């Protein structure tokens, strides 16, 4: 029988929600971004009114933050974010992952967060496998490919 240890990312390996951290790290709260902030507020309202699915909202949210960030290279942005988040991982969680690996467990990082930053984090922490929300990108736009890895889909 195979032994498996499954870890969530947000509020398990780090204290906060990574998508909220993404906003505070990259959304440029300046006068020039007031229109983006208003659009984002409107998108949040649509989500809470159930006009948007969580998947639709997540795509809009991520793309609005990217638009306001000033980053021209999505990969550079998410590489920076991965490094930032790796620094926030609880030391006790890192030790636990290593402990499970040494005992022969297959370790799985399971999260609704995006592959754009979780792939580097998963590799950096030594996970055997990553199950998360998968994306595709082109023309500086992010699209969730497949289901949002949340709730029943998780």
N, C-alpha and C. Protein backbone atom coordinates (compact mmCIF):
# COMPACT_ATOMS: atom_id res chain seq x y z
N UNK A 1 0.84 -1.18 0.00
CA UNK A 1 0.00 0.00 0.00
C UNK A 1 0.89 1.24 0.00
N UNK A 2 0.57 2.16 -0.91
CA UNK A 2 1.34 3.39 -1.01
C UNK A 2 0.90 4.38 0.07
N UNK A 3 1.88 5.03 0.67
CA UNK A 3 1.60 6.05 1.68
C UNK A 3 1.59 7.42 0.99
N UNK A 4 0.58 8.21 1.29
CA UNK A 4 0.43 9.52 0.66
C UNK A 4 0.21 10.58 1.73
N UNK A 5 0.91 11.70 1.58
CA UNK A 5 0.70 12.87 2.44
C UNK A 5 0.30 14.04 1.53
N UNK A 6 -0.86 14.62 1.80
CA UNK A 6 -1.39 15.70 0.97
C UNK A 6 -1.38 17.00 1.77
N UNK A 7 -0.88 18.05 1.13
CA UNK A 7 -0.81 19.37 1.76
C UNK A 7 -1.54 20.38 0.89
N UNK A 8 -2.30 21.26 1.52
CA UNK A 8 -2.87 22.41 0.82
C UNK A 8 -1.82 23.52 0.92
N UNK A 9 -1.94 24.55 0.11
CA UNK A 9 -0.96 25.62 0.15
C UNK A 9 -1.42 26.78 1.03
N UNK A 10 -2.51 27.44 0.60
CA UNK A 10 -2.99 28.63 1.33
C UNK A 10 -3.51 28.24 2.71
N UNK A 11 -3.04 28.97 3.70
CA UNK A 11 -3.44 28.78 5.10
C UNK A 11 -3.03 27.42 5.68
N UNK A 12 -2.15 26.72 4.99
CA UNK A 12 -1.59 25.47 5.51
C UNK A 12 -0.07 25.57 5.49
N UNK A 13 0.49 25.79 4.30
CA UNK A 13 1.94 25.96 4.19
C UNK A 13 2.34 27.41 4.39
N UNK A 14 1.43 28.33 4.07
CA UNK A 14 1.64 29.75 4.37
C UNK A 14 0.44 30.25 5.16
N UNK A 15 0.62 31.38 5.83
CA UNK A 15 -0.42 31.88 6.74
C UNK A 15 -1.63 32.45 6.01
N UNK A 16 -1.42 33.07 4.85
CA UNK A 16 -2.50 33.81 4.19
C UNK A 16 -2.87 33.19 2.86
N UNK A 17 -3.84 33.78 2.20
CA UNK A 17 -4.27 33.35 0.87
C UNK A 17 -3.33 33.96 -0.17
N UNK A 18 -2.77 33.14 -1.03
CA UNK A 18 -1.79 33.61 -2.00
C UNK A 18 -2.38 34.59 -3.02
N UNK A 19 -3.65 34.46 -3.35
CA UNK A 19 -4.25 35.38 -4.31
C UNK A 19 -4.40 36.79 -3.72
N UNK A 20 -4.64 36.87 -2.43
CA UNK A 20 -4.70 38.18 -1.76
C UNK A 20 -3.29 38.77 -1.71
N UNK A 21 -2.30 37.93 -1.40
CA UNK A 21 -0.92 38.39 -1.39
C UNK A 21 -0.50 38.86 -2.78
N UNK A 22 -0.98 38.19 -3.81
CA UNK A 22 -0.69 38.57 -5.19
C UNK A 22 -1.19 39.99 -5.46
N UNK A 23 -2.39 40.28 -5.02
CA UNK A 23 -2.95 41.62 -5.20
C UNK A 23 -2.08 42.66 -4.49
N UNK A 24 -1.78 42.46 -3.22
CA UNK A 24 -1.04 43.46 -2.45
C UNK A 24 0.40 43.61 -2.92
N UNK A 25 0.96 42.58 -3.49
CA UNK A 25 2.34 42.67 -3.97
C UNK A 25 2.42 43.34 -5.35
N UNK A 26 1.44 43.13 -6.21
CA UNK A 26 1.58 43.56 -7.60
C UNK A 26 0.57 44.60 -8.09
N UNK A 27 -0.54 44.78 -7.43
CA UNK A 27 -1.49 45.79 -7.90
C UNK A 27 -0.94 47.16 -7.55
N UNK A 28 -0.77 47.98 -8.56
CA UNK A 28 -0.23 49.32 -8.38
C UNK A 28 -1.37 50.27 -7.98
N UNK A 29 -1.40 50.59 -6.69
CA UNK A 29 -2.45 51.48 -6.17
C UNK A 29 -2.08 52.94 -6.42
N UNK A 30 -2.11 53.33 -7.69
CA UNK A 30 -1.80 54.71 -8.04
C UNK A 30 -2.98 55.31 -8.80
N UNK A 31 -2.92 56.61 -9.01
CA UNK A 31 -3.99 57.32 -9.71
C UNK A 31 -4.24 56.71 -11.09
N UNK A 32 -3.17 56.36 -11.79
CA UNK A 32 -3.35 55.83 -13.15
C UNK A 32 -4.10 54.50 -13.16
N UNK A 33 -4.14 53.81 -12.02
CA UNK A 33 -4.83 52.52 -11.96
C UNK A 33 -6.21 52.58 -11.31
N UNK A 34 -6.73 53.78 -11.11
CA UNK A 34 -8.08 53.90 -10.57
C UNK A 34 -9.09 53.17 -11.46
N UNK A 35 -8.99 53.30 -12.80
CA UNK A 35 -9.94 52.53 -13.64
C UNK A 35 -9.83 51.01 -13.42
N UNK A 36 -8.60 50.50 -13.30
CA UNK A 36 -8.42 49.07 -13.04
C UNK A 36 -8.99 48.68 -11.68
N UNK A 37 -8.80 49.55 -10.69
CA UNK A 37 -9.33 49.26 -9.36
C UNK A 37 -10.87 49.24 -9.39
N UNK A 38 -11.45 50.17 -10.12
CA UNK A 38 -12.92 50.19 -10.25
C UNK A 38 -13.41 48.94 -10.98
N UNK A 39 -12.72 48.56 -12.05
CA UNK A 39 -13.09 47.33 -12.78
C UNK A 39 -13.00 46.12 -11.87
N UNK A 40 -11.92 46.06 -11.08
CA UNK A 40 -11.74 44.93 -10.17
C UNK A 40 -12.86 44.90 -9.13
N UNK A 41 -13.22 46.05 -8.61
CA UNK A 41 -14.32 46.12 -7.64
C UNK A 41 -15.62 45.63 -8.27
N UNK A 42 -15.85 46.01 -9.51
CA UNK A 42 -17.05 45.58 -10.24
C UNK A 42 -17.02 44.06 -10.47
N UNK A 43 -15.85 43.51 -10.80
CA UNK A 43 -15.71 42.06 -11.02
C UNK A 43 -15.97 41.30 -9.71
N UNK A 44 -15.50 41.84 -8.60
CA UNK A 44 -15.75 41.22 -7.29
C UNK A 44 -17.25 41.19 -7.01
N UNK A 45 -17.91 42.30 -7.29
CA UNK A 45 -19.36 42.38 -7.09
C UNK A 45 -20.08 41.33 -7.95
N UNK A 46 -19.68 41.20 -9.22
CA UNK A 46 -20.30 40.20 -10.11
C UNK A 46 -20.11 38.79 -9.56
N UNK A 47 -18.94 38.53 -8.99
CA UNK A 47 -18.69 37.21 -8.41
C UNK A 47 -19.62 36.96 -7.22
N UNK A 48 -19.71 37.93 -6.32
CA UNK A 48 -20.55 37.76 -5.14
C UNK A 48 -22.05 37.70 -5.48
N UNK A 49 -22.42 38.30 -6.59
CA UNK A 49 -23.82 38.22 -7.04
C UNK A 49 -24.06 36.97 -7.89
N UNK A 50 -23.05 36.13 -8.00
CA UNK A 50 -23.13 34.85 -8.74
C UNK A 50 -23.33 35.05 -10.24
N UNK A 51 -22.92 36.21 -10.74
CA UNK A 51 -22.95 36.46 -12.19
C UNK A 51 -21.76 35.75 -12.84
N UNK A 52 -20.65 35.71 -12.11
CA UNK A 52 -19.44 35.02 -12.56
C UNK A 52 -19.24 33.76 -11.74
N UNK A 53 -18.69 32.76 -12.38
CA UNK A 53 -18.23 31.58 -11.64
C UNK A 53 -16.90 31.93 -10.99
N UNK A 54 -16.46 31.08 -10.09
CA UNK A 54 -15.17 31.33 -9.45
C UNK A 54 -14.04 31.32 -10.49
N UNK A 55 -14.15 30.43 -11.46
CA UNK A 55 -13.15 30.35 -12.53
C UNK A 55 -13.10 31.65 -13.33
N UNK A 56 -14.26 32.17 -13.73
CA UNK A 56 -14.32 33.42 -14.48
C UNK A 56 -13.75 34.58 -13.67
N UNK A 57 -14.12 34.63 -12.39
CA UNK A 57 -13.63 35.70 -11.54
C UNK A 57 -12.11 35.62 -11.39
N UNK A 58 -11.60 34.42 -11.16
CA UNK A 58 -10.16 34.26 -10.95
C UNK A 58 -9.38 34.74 -12.18
N UNK A 59 -9.86 34.42 -13.37
CA UNK A 59 -9.20 34.88 -14.60
C UNK A 59 -9.20 36.40 -14.68
N UNK A 60 -10.36 37.02 -14.44
CA UNK A 60 -10.47 38.49 -14.49
C UNK A 60 -9.55 39.13 -13.45
N UNK A 61 -9.59 38.61 -12.24
CA UNK A 61 -8.79 39.13 -11.12
C UNK A 61 -7.30 39.10 -11.46
N UNK A 62 -6.83 37.94 -11.88
CA UNK A 62 -5.40 37.79 -12.17
C UNK A 62 -4.98 38.72 -13.29
N UNK A 63 -5.76 38.79 -14.35
CA UNK A 63 -5.40 39.63 -15.49
C UNK A 63 -5.44 41.11 -15.15
N UNK A 64 -6.38 41.54 -14.32
CA UNK A 64 -6.41 42.95 -13.90
C UNK A 64 -5.20 43.30 -13.04
N UNK A 65 -4.80 42.40 -12.16
CA UNK A 65 -3.62 42.65 -11.33
C UNK A 65 -2.37 42.71 -12.22
N UNK A 66 -2.26 41.77 -13.16
CA UNK A 66 -1.11 41.78 -14.08
C UNK A 66 -1.09 43.09 -14.87
N UNK A 67 -2.23 43.52 -15.39
CA UNK A 67 -2.31 44.76 -16.16
C UNK A 67 -1.82 45.96 -15.35
N UNK A 68 -2.15 45.99 -14.09
CA UNK A 68 -1.78 47.14 -13.26
C UNK A 68 -0.34 47.07 -12.77
N UNK A 69 0.25 45.89 -12.81
CA UNK A 69 1.57 45.68 -12.20
C UNK A 69 2.72 46.34 -12.94
N UNK A 70 2.57 46.53 -14.24
CA UNK A 70 3.67 47.08 -15.02
C UNK A 70 4.61 46.00 -15.55
N UNK A 71 4.45 44.75 -15.11
CA UNK A 71 5.28 43.66 -15.62
C UNK A 71 4.88 43.37 -17.06
N UNK A 72 5.86 43.27 -17.93
CA UNK A 72 5.60 42.93 -19.33
C UNK A 72 5.77 41.43 -19.56
N UNK A 73 6.50 40.79 -18.68
CA UNK A 73 6.80 39.36 -18.82
C UNK A 73 6.10 38.59 -17.70
N UNK A 74 5.05 37.84 -18.06
CA UNK A 74 4.28 37.08 -17.07
C UNK A 74 5.15 36.08 -16.34
N UNK A 75 6.04 35.42 -17.06
CA UNK A 75 6.90 34.42 -16.42
C UNK A 75 7.81 35.05 -15.37
N UNK A 76 8.33 36.24 -15.66
CA UNK A 76 9.18 36.95 -14.69
C UNK A 76 8.36 37.33 -13.45
N UNK A 77 7.13 37.78 -13.67
CA UNK A 77 6.26 38.15 -12.56
C UNK A 77 6.01 36.95 -11.65
N UNK A 78 5.64 35.81 -12.24
CA UNK A 78 5.32 34.64 -11.42
C UNK A 78 6.56 33.97 -10.85
N UNK A 79 7.71 34.16 -11.49
CA UNK A 79 8.96 33.68 -10.92
C UNK A 79 9.26 34.47 -9.64
N UNK A 80 9.08 35.79 -9.72
CA UNK A 80 9.27 36.65 -8.55
C UNK A 80 8.29 36.28 -7.43
N UNK A 81 7.04 36.03 -7.80
CA UNK A 81 6.02 35.69 -6.81
C UNK A 81 6.31 34.34 -6.16
N UNK A 82 6.78 33.39 -6.93
CA UNK A 82 7.15 32.07 -6.38
C UNK A 82 8.23 32.21 -5.31
N UNK A 83 9.25 32.99 -5.64
CA UNK A 83 10.35 33.20 -4.69
C UNK A 83 9.83 33.87 -3.41
N UNK A 84 8.97 34.85 -3.58
CA UNK A 84 8.39 35.54 -2.44
C UNK A 84 7.61 34.57 -1.56
N UNK A 85 6.74 33.76 -2.17
CA UNK A 85 5.92 32.82 -1.41
C UNK A 85 6.76 31.73 -0.74
N UNK A 86 7.80 31.27 -1.42
CA UNK A 86 8.68 30.26 -0.80
C UNK A 86 9.26 30.77 0.52
N UNK A 87 9.52 32.06 0.57
CA UNK A 87 10.03 32.67 1.80
C UNK A 87 9.00 32.74 2.91
N UNK A 88 7.73 32.56 2.59
CA UNK A 88 6.65 32.62 3.58
C UNK A 88 6.23 31.26 4.12
N UNK A 89 6.76 30.19 3.53
CA UNK A 89 6.37 28.84 3.95
C UNK A 89 6.85 28.59 5.38
N UNK A 90 5.95 28.09 6.22
CA UNK A 90 6.29 27.79 7.61
C UNK A 90 7.46 26.81 7.67
N UNK A 91 8.41 27.08 8.55
CA UNK A 91 9.57 26.19 8.73
C UNK A 91 9.10 24.81 9.18
N UNK A 92 8.10 24.77 10.04
CA UNK A 92 7.58 23.47 10.51
C UNK A 92 6.98 22.67 9.36
N UNK A 93 6.37 23.36 8.41
CA UNK A 93 5.80 22.67 7.24
C UNK A 93 6.91 22.09 6.38
N UNK A 94 7.98 22.86 6.18
CA UNK A 94 9.12 22.35 5.40
C UNK A 94 9.69 21.09 6.03
N UNK A 95 9.83 21.13 7.35
CA UNK A 95 10.36 19.96 8.06
C UNK A 95 9.43 18.75 7.92
N UNK A 96 8.13 18.99 7.99
CA UNK A 96 7.14 17.91 7.88
C UNK A 96 7.19 17.26 6.49
N UNK A 97 7.32 18.07 5.46
CA UNK A 97 7.40 17.55 4.09
C UNK A 97 8.62 16.64 3.96
N UNK A 98 9.76 17.11 4.46
CA UNK A 98 11.00 16.31 4.42
C UNK A 98 10.83 15.03 5.21
N UNK A 99 10.21 15.13 6.37
CA UNK A 99 9.97 13.96 7.23
C UNK A 99 9.13 12.90 6.49
N UNK A 100 8.06 13.34 5.85
CA UNK A 100 7.21 12.40 5.10
C UNK A 100 7.98 11.77 3.93
N UNK A 101 8.77 12.57 3.24
CA UNK A 101 9.56 12.05 2.11
C UNK A 101 10.53 10.97 2.60
N UNK A 102 11.20 11.23 3.72
CA UNK A 102 12.16 10.26 4.27
C UNK A 102 11.49 8.96 4.67
N UNK A 103 10.22 9.04 5.08
CA UNK A 103 9.48 7.85 5.49
C UNK A 103 8.87 7.11 4.30
N UNK A 104 9.14 7.60 3.09
CA UNK A 104 8.66 6.92 1.90
C UNK A 104 7.29 7.33 1.40
N UNK A 105 6.75 8.39 1.94
CA UNK A 105 5.44 8.88 1.50
C UNK A 105 5.57 9.57 0.14
N UNK A 106 4.54 9.45 -0.65
CA UNK A 106 4.42 10.28 -1.84
C UNK A 106 3.76 11.56 -1.35
N UNK A 107 4.43 12.69 -1.54
CA UNK A 107 3.90 13.96 -1.04
C UNK A 107 3.25 14.72 -2.19
N UNK A 108 2.05 15.22 -1.92
CA UNK A 108 1.26 15.91 -2.95
C UNK A 108 0.89 17.30 -2.44
N UNK A 109 1.17 18.29 -3.27
CA UNK A 109 0.69 19.64 -3.01
C UNK A 109 -0.60 19.79 -3.80
N UNK A 110 -1.71 20.00 -3.09
CA UNK A 110 -3.05 20.09 -3.68
C UNK A 110 -3.62 21.46 -3.35
N UNK A 111 -3.89 22.27 -4.38
CA UNK A 111 -4.30 23.64 -4.12
C UNK A 111 -5.16 24.20 -5.25
N UNK A 112 -6.01 25.14 -4.90
CA UNK A 112 -6.79 25.87 -5.91
C UNK A 112 -5.95 26.98 -6.53
N UNK A 113 -4.77 27.21 -5.99
CA UNK A 113 -3.88 28.23 -6.52
C UNK A 113 -3.34 27.82 -7.90
N UNK A 114 -2.68 28.75 -8.55
CA UNK A 114 -2.27 28.57 -9.95
C UNK A 114 -0.94 27.87 -10.13
N UNK A 115 -0.86 27.08 -11.19
CA UNK A 115 0.38 26.41 -11.55
C UNK A 115 1.50 27.40 -11.86
N UNK A 116 1.16 28.61 -12.28
CA UNK A 116 2.15 29.61 -12.66
C UNK A 116 3.18 29.88 -11.56
N UNK A 117 2.76 29.79 -10.32
CA UNK A 117 3.72 29.95 -9.22
C UNK A 117 3.88 28.69 -8.40
N UNK A 118 2.89 27.83 -8.38
CA UNK A 118 3.00 26.62 -7.55
C UNK A 118 3.98 25.58 -8.08
N UNK A 119 4.22 25.56 -9.40
CA UNK A 119 5.17 24.58 -9.93
C UNK A 119 6.55 24.78 -9.32
N UNK A 120 7.01 26.02 -9.28
CA UNK A 120 8.33 26.31 -8.70
C UNK A 120 8.34 26.04 -7.20
N UNK A 121 7.25 26.36 -6.54
CA UNK A 121 7.15 26.13 -5.10
C UNK A 121 7.13 24.64 -4.80
N UNK A 122 6.36 23.90 -5.56
CA UNK A 122 6.27 22.44 -5.39
C UNK A 122 7.65 21.80 -5.56
N UNK A 123 8.35 22.20 -6.61
CA UNK A 123 9.70 21.68 -6.85
C UNK A 123 10.64 22.11 -5.73
N UNK A 124 10.58 23.38 -5.35
CA UNK A 124 11.45 23.90 -4.30
C UNK A 124 11.27 23.22 -2.96
N UNK A 125 10.05 22.78 -2.67
CA UNK A 125 9.78 22.12 -1.40
C UNK A 125 9.93 20.60 -1.48
N UNK A 126 10.18 20.09 -2.69
CA UNK A 126 10.44 18.66 -2.85
C UNK A 126 9.21 17.78 -2.92
N UNK A 127 8.07 18.33 -3.33
CA UNK A 127 6.86 17.52 -3.45
C UNK A 127 7.01 16.52 -4.60
N UNK A 128 6.38 15.36 -4.44
CA UNK A 128 6.37 14.34 -5.49
C UNK A 128 5.43 14.72 -6.62
N UNK A 129 4.37 15.43 -6.28
CA UNK A 129 3.33 15.72 -7.27
C UNK A 129 2.62 17.02 -6.93
N UNK A 130 2.13 17.68 -7.96
CA UNK A 130 1.37 18.92 -7.80
C UNK A 130 0.01 18.76 -8.48
N UNK A 131 -1.05 19.04 -7.74
CA UNK A 131 -2.40 19.09 -8.29
C UNK A 131 -2.92 20.49 -7.98
N UNK A 132 -3.20 21.26 -9.04
CA UNK A 132 -3.61 22.65 -8.82
C UNK A 132 -4.42 23.14 -10.02
N UNK A 133 -4.79 24.40 -9.99
CA UNK A 133 -5.50 25.02 -11.10
C UNK A 133 -4.50 25.27 -12.22
N UNK A 134 -4.77 24.69 -13.38
CA UNK A 134 -3.88 24.79 -14.54
C UNK A 134 -4.26 25.98 -15.40
N UNK A 135 -3.24 26.61 -15.97
CA UNK A 135 -3.46 27.80 -16.79
C UNK A 135 -2.74 27.69 -18.13
N UNK A 136 -3.15 28.55 -19.02
CA UNK A 136 -2.46 28.76 -20.29
C UNK A 136 -2.31 30.27 -20.41
N UNK A 137 -1.27 30.71 -21.10
CA UNK A 137 -1.14 32.15 -21.27
C UNK A 137 -0.50 32.50 -22.61
N UNK A 138 -0.89 33.65 -23.09
CA UNK A 138 -0.36 34.21 -24.32
C UNK A 138 -0.82 35.65 -24.40
N UNK A 139 -0.04 36.48 -25.07
CA UNK A 139 -0.38 37.90 -25.19
C UNK A 139 -0.62 38.54 -23.82
N UNK A 140 0.15 38.13 -22.83
CA UNK A 140 0.04 38.67 -21.46
C UNK A 140 -1.34 38.48 -20.85
N UNK A 141 -2.05 37.42 -21.24
CA UNK A 141 -3.35 37.07 -20.68
C UNK A 141 -3.28 35.67 -20.10
N UNK A 142 -3.94 35.47 -18.98
CA UNK A 142 -4.02 34.17 -18.32
C UNK A 142 -5.42 33.60 -18.55
N UNK A 143 -5.46 32.32 -18.89
CA UNK A 143 -6.73 31.61 -19.04
C UNK A 143 -6.63 30.33 -18.23
N UNK A 144 -7.65 30.04 -17.44
CA UNK A 144 -7.67 28.78 -16.69
C UNK A 144 -8.09 27.68 -17.64
N UNK A 145 -7.22 26.70 -17.79
CA UNK A 145 -7.51 25.59 -18.70
C UNK A 145 -8.05 24.43 -17.87
N UNK A 146 -9.23 23.99 -18.18
CA UNK A 146 -9.85 22.94 -17.37
C UNK A 146 -10.60 23.54 -16.21
N UNK A 147 -10.81 22.72 -15.19
CA UNK A 147 -11.58 23.14 -14.02
C UNK A 147 -10.71 23.89 -13.03
N UNK A 148 -11.32 24.81 -12.29
CA UNK A 148 -10.66 25.45 -11.17
C UNK A 148 -10.54 24.39 -10.08
N UNK A 149 -9.35 24.15 -9.60
CA UNK A 149 -9.10 23.09 -8.61
C UNK A 149 -9.57 23.57 -7.23
N UNK A 150 -10.88 23.54 -7.02
CA UNK A 150 -11.47 24.07 -5.80
C UNK A 150 -12.69 23.24 -5.44
N UNK A 151 -12.97 23.12 -4.16
CA UNK A 151 -14.17 22.41 -3.70
C UNK A 151 -14.22 20.98 -4.19
N UNK A 152 -15.31 20.60 -4.85
CA UNK A 152 -15.48 19.24 -5.35
C UNK A 152 -14.42 18.87 -6.38
N UNK A 153 -13.98 19.85 -7.17
CA UNK A 153 -12.96 19.59 -8.18
C UNK A 153 -11.62 19.22 -7.55
N UNK A 154 -11.40 19.69 -6.36
CA UNK A 154 -10.16 19.39 -5.65
C UNK A 154 -10.16 17.93 -5.26
